[in-house]
Protein backbone atom coordinates (compact mmCIF):
# COMPACT_ATOMS: atom_id res chain seq x y z
CA MET A 1 142.55 -47.37 71.19
CA ASN A 2 144.74 -45.58 68.68
CA THR A 3 143.56 -42.55 66.75
CA LEU A 4 141.70 -43.70 63.67
CA SER A 5 142.75 -42.77 60.16
CA LYS A 6 140.48 -40.54 58.09
CA ALA A 7 139.82 -43.47 55.76
CA THR A 8 138.63 -45.68 58.62
CA LEU A 9 136.48 -42.90 60.07
CA SER A 10 134.88 -42.36 56.68
CA ARG A 11 133.83 -46.03 56.55
CA LEU A 12 132.36 -46.24 60.05
CA PRO A 13 128.97 -44.69 59.12
CA THR A 14 128.64 -47.30 56.37
CA TYR A 15 129.28 -50.11 58.85
CA LEU A 16 126.85 -48.55 61.29
CA LYS A 17 124.08 -48.29 58.70
CA TYR A 18 124.53 -51.97 57.81
CA LEU A 19 124.54 -53.05 61.45
CA ARG A 20 121.32 -51.16 62.09
CA GLU A 21 119.75 -52.92 59.11
CA LEU A 22 120.83 -56.27 60.57
CA SER A 23 119.30 -55.34 63.90
CA ASP A 24 116.03 -54.38 62.21
CA ILE A 25 115.69 -57.87 60.72
CA GLY A 26 116.59 -59.59 63.98
CA SER A 27 120.20 -60.64 63.29
CA THR A 28 122.26 -60.86 66.49
CA ARG A 29 125.73 -61.82 65.27
CA VAL A 30 127.89 -60.81 62.32
CA SER A 31 131.42 -61.49 61.09
CA ALA A 32 133.92 -59.20 59.39
CA THR A 33 133.71 -61.51 56.39
CA ALA A 34 129.95 -61.06 56.13
CA ILE A 35 130.26 -57.28 56.44
CA ALA A 36 132.97 -57.16 53.79
CA THR A 37 130.85 -59.22 51.41
CA ALA A 38 127.69 -57.21 51.99
CA LEU A 39 129.44 -53.85 51.50
CA SER A 40 131.81 -54.96 48.70
CA LEU A 41 134.89 -54.09 50.76
CA GLY A 42 138.15 -55.94 51.33
CA GLU A 43 137.95 -58.40 54.20
CA ILE A 44 141.37 -57.47 55.61
CA GLN A 45 140.43 -53.81 55.55
CA VAL A 46 137.15 -54.47 57.36
CA ARG A 47 138.87 -56.59 59.99
CA LYS A 48 141.39 -53.83 60.71
CA ASP A 49 138.66 -51.18 60.85
CA LEU A 50 136.52 -53.16 63.28
CA ALA A 51 139.49 -54.13 65.47
CA SER A 52 140.40 -50.45 65.79
CA VAL A 53 136.99 -49.59 67.29
CA SER A 54 136.01 -52.76 69.15
CA SER A 55 137.82 -55.47 71.09
CA ARG A 56 134.73 -57.65 71.41
CA GLY A 57 135.11 -59.72 68.23
CA ARG A 58 135.75 -63.45 68.65
CA PRO A 59 137.50 -65.84 66.20
CA LYS A 60 135.03 -67.95 64.20
CA ILE A 61 132.17 -66.27 66.09
CA GLY A 62 132.42 -62.65 65.06
CA TYR A 63 130.69 -59.78 66.79
CA THR A 64 127.42 -59.31 68.58
CA VAL A 65 125.52 -56.84 66.40
CA SER A 66 124.34 -54.72 69.34
CA GLU A 67 127.82 -54.51 70.92
CA LEU A 68 129.57 -53.60 67.69
CA THR A 69 126.89 -50.99 67.01
CA GLU A 70 127.48 -49.47 70.45
CA ASP A 71 131.25 -49.36 69.91
CA ILE A 72 130.98 -47.65 66.53
CA GLU A 73 128.41 -45.18 67.83
CA ALA A 74 130.73 -44.33 70.72
CA LYS A 75 133.67 -43.81 68.37
CA LEU A 76 131.59 -41.51 66.20
CA GLY A 77 130.45 -39.56 69.23
CA LEU A 78 126.79 -40.37 68.74
CA GLY A 79 126.10 -40.46 72.46
CA GLN A 80 125.57 -36.71 72.33
CA MET A 81 123.89 -34.52 69.74
CA THR A 82 125.98 -31.87 67.94
CA ASP A 83 124.16 -28.75 66.78
CA ALA A 84 125.02 -27.39 63.34
CA VAL A 85 124.12 -24.32 61.29
CA LEU A 86 123.62 -24.16 57.55
CA VAL A 87 124.46 -21.14 55.39
CA GLY A 88 122.71 -20.82 52.04
CA ALA A 89 118.99 -21.57 52.10
CA GLY A 90 118.49 -22.20 48.40
CA LYS A 91 116.98 -25.41 47.03
CA LEU A 92 119.81 -27.64 48.28
CA GLY A 93 119.97 -25.90 51.64
CA ARG A 94 116.24 -26.24 52.23
CA ALA A 95 116.34 -29.90 51.20
CA LEU A 96 119.01 -30.53 53.83
CA LEU A 97 116.97 -28.63 56.40
CA ASP A 98 113.99 -30.90 55.74
CA TYR A 99 116.09 -34.08 55.96
CA ASP A 100 115.84 -35.68 59.40
CA GLY A 101 118.37 -38.47 58.85
CA PHE A 102 121.30 -36.46 60.20
CA GLU A 103 120.09 -36.90 63.77
CA GLU A 104 120.57 -40.66 63.49
CA TYR A 105 124.29 -39.88 63.27
CA GLY A 106 124.46 -37.32 66.05
CA VAL A 107 124.03 -34.08 64.07
CA ARG A 108 121.11 -31.67 64.34
CA ILE A 109 120.77 -28.66 62.02
CA VAL A 110 119.27 -26.04 64.31
CA ALA A 111 119.07 -23.05 61.96
CA ALA A 112 119.91 -21.76 58.48
CA PHE A 113 121.17 -18.38 57.35
CA ASP A 114 120.79 -16.50 54.08
CA SER A 115 121.37 -12.98 52.78
CA ASN A 116 118.25 -13.04 50.57
CA ASP A 117 115.30 -11.45 52.38
CA ARG A 118 112.84 -13.16 50.05
CA VAL A 119 114.16 -16.60 51.00
CA ILE A 120 113.81 -15.73 54.68
CA ARG A 121 110.24 -14.43 54.29
CA MET A 122 109.08 -17.41 52.26
CA ASN A 123 110.54 -20.05 54.58
CA LYS A 124 108.30 -23.14 54.65
CA THR A 125 110.63 -25.43 56.59
CA GLU A 126 110.30 -26.26 60.27
CA LYS A 127 113.73 -24.76 60.97
CA ASP A 128 114.42 -21.04 61.27
CA ILE A 129 116.04 -19.24 58.32
CA LEU A 130 117.71 -16.14 59.69
CA PRO A 131 119.54 -13.17 58.14
CA PHE A 132 123.22 -13.82 57.48
CA SER A 133 124.01 -10.77 59.63
CA MET A 134 122.84 -12.72 62.70
CA LEU A 135 125.30 -15.60 62.17
CA ASP A 136 127.96 -14.35 64.60
CA GLU A 137 125.58 -13.73 67.47
CA TYR A 138 123.72 -17.01 66.98
CA CYS A 139 126.81 -19.23 66.73
CA LYS A 140 128.57 -17.66 69.69
CA SER A 141 125.50 -17.70 71.92
CA LYS A 142 124.89 -21.38 71.23
CA SER A 143 128.56 -22.47 70.98
CA ILE A 144 128.11 -23.85 67.47
CA ARG A 145 131.15 -25.80 66.23
CA LEU A 146 129.79 -27.40 63.04
CA GLY A 147 128.75 -25.56 59.88
CA ILE A 148 127.34 -26.54 56.48
CA ILE A 149 127.91 -24.40 53.39
CA THR A 150 125.35 -24.64 50.59
CA THR A 151 125.97 -21.28 48.92
CA GLY A 152 127.31 -20.67 45.42
CA SER A 153 131.06 -20.77 44.84
CA GLY A 154 131.28 -16.98 44.70
CA SER A 155 130.42 -16.48 48.37
CA ALA A 156 131.65 -19.76 49.88
CA GLN A 157 135.04 -18.41 51.01
CA GLU A 158 133.42 -15.45 52.76
CA VAL A 159 130.99 -17.80 54.48
CA LEU A 160 133.80 -20.11 55.61
CA ASP A 161 135.75 -17.15 57.00
CA ARG A 162 132.71 -15.93 58.92
CA LEU A 163 131.98 -19.38 60.31
CA CYS A 164 135.56 -19.66 61.54
CA GLU A 165 135.34 -16.25 63.18
CA CYS A 166 132.23 -17.50 64.99
CA GLY A 167 134.14 -20.43 66.50
CA VAL A 168 133.14 -23.15 64.03
CA THR A 169 135.90 -25.75 63.69
CA ALA A 170 134.35 -28.29 61.27
CA VAL A 171 132.59 -27.53 57.99
CA LEU A 172 130.78 -29.60 55.38
CA ASN A 173 131.11 -27.70 52.10
CA PHE A 174 128.76 -28.28 49.17
CA ALA A 175 130.01 -25.27 47.17
CA PRO A 176 131.90 -26.45 44.05
CA CYS A 177 135.12 -24.57 44.73
CA LYS A 178 138.42 -24.83 46.56
CA LEU A 179 138.52 -23.01 49.88
CA THR A 180 141.41 -21.59 51.84
CA VAL A 181 141.10 -23.29 55.22
CA PRO A 182 142.58 -21.81 58.42
CA ARG A 183 144.71 -24.00 60.66
CA GLY A 184 142.66 -25.90 63.21
CA VAL A 185 139.57 -26.07 60.99
CA VAL A 186 138.46 -29.26 59.21
CA VAL A 187 136.59 -28.94 55.92
CA LYS A 188 135.01 -31.86 54.04
CA ASN A 189 134.04 -31.06 50.46
CA GLU A 190 130.98 -32.67 48.85
CA ASN A 191 130.80 -32.06 45.09
CA LEU A 192 127.47 -33.50 43.96
CA ALA A 193 128.09 -32.75 40.28
CA LEU A 194 131.45 -34.54 40.38
CA SER A 195 129.90 -37.56 42.08
CA LEU A 196 127.23 -37.76 39.39
CA ALA A 197 129.91 -37.41 36.70
CA HIS A 198 131.75 -40.41 38.16
CA LEU A 199 128.56 -42.45 38.13
CA ASN A 200 127.80 -41.39 34.56
CA GLU A 201 131.30 -42.47 33.54
CA GLN A 202 130.62 -45.93 34.94
CA ILE A 203 127.39 -46.17 32.95
CA CYS A 204 128.90 -44.97 29.69
CA ASN A 205 132.08 -47.09 29.83
């Protein structure tokens, strides 16, 4: 299969979540039309997305839910678990540490790091919160390639630089700032405040 576009890749987890819901209620077959309707997406777009990850769809019959689920999971690399580290163990960071839903999509946060000794001492999560000074040793010893930044904007660039020096090549950034990203490193920005502002705009208009 051809390399998928970023837009298609970004939609695959949404398809996967819906397929798992269908499986939970006992549905065995599904069509691109039904998926498009359920997720409020364009039918042509959905057909192209599904055809790019699975060749098992049949005209007028659609897909077997279990087979399409397997194909999407394989494309997302969910057959193996990827370990990730989180930097910034404030309220948001600790909430992400406590969230176990990431493992359903092949990602496991194995440890967090913070420069605040008080945060480290008062850790009440099941995951370790370690001093930021230990980041290099930890990442290199465990071959960590995925990082999550939940610090303030003032220290986010320094954190990104350190993660890259440790061998991390993919980063999910929650800090509300623009980062200078080295070549060969992928950064996805998640601005929660901006997302809420967009929702508020829809309510008010």
